[in-house]
Amino acid sequence: MASEQPHEDALDAHRRLTRRDIYGPLYRGLALIGGLTVIALLVILTVGRQSPIADILSIVLLLCPAAICLFPLYLALVLGAYGVNRAHDGMIRPLRGLERLSDGLLARAQHLSHSLARASINFNTRTAVVDRVVFSHFDRPEDRAAAPNAAPDSQSPGETTHD
């Protein structure tokens, strides 16, 4: 149960973050529309125009339809976020299983590669003498003469000493 607590805390934090990201834009949009309405009303009332009621009605008749027309778009975005959240929650268990399977395959592949490397090294160690005898026939004559005197790994293939 102790290992469940950090998992539950992470889920609660994720849910709080999701709610903030969904309701935050709604509240900010409503505040923006309300603030613009108040600013427009203050401008209209302080200028001293002839028909403040007509100006107020034109603002209301422009801002309210804009808010009403944008509400379905907002609703579609909220439903999309809800759907993505549900899909995210539904994918947790299968993705964890896939992660365990991937870790198992990685361990098996590493074990197999180590076994093959070990077998290759053992094979090359056992056949080094035969390899040296068989392939020395293909060396150039000057390389054959220098081979018994040269230390192994003292120079790379094809490299000559400049004395």
Foldseek 3Di string as FASTA:
>chain_A
DVVVVVVVVVVVVVVVVLVCVLVVVVVVVVVVLVVVLVVQLVVLVVVDDDCSVVSNVVSCVVSVVVCVVCVVVSVVVNVVSVVVVVVVVVCPVVVVVVVVVVVVVVVVVVVVVVVVVVVVVVVCVVCVVVCCVVCVVVDDPVCNVCVVVDDPPPDDPPDDDDD
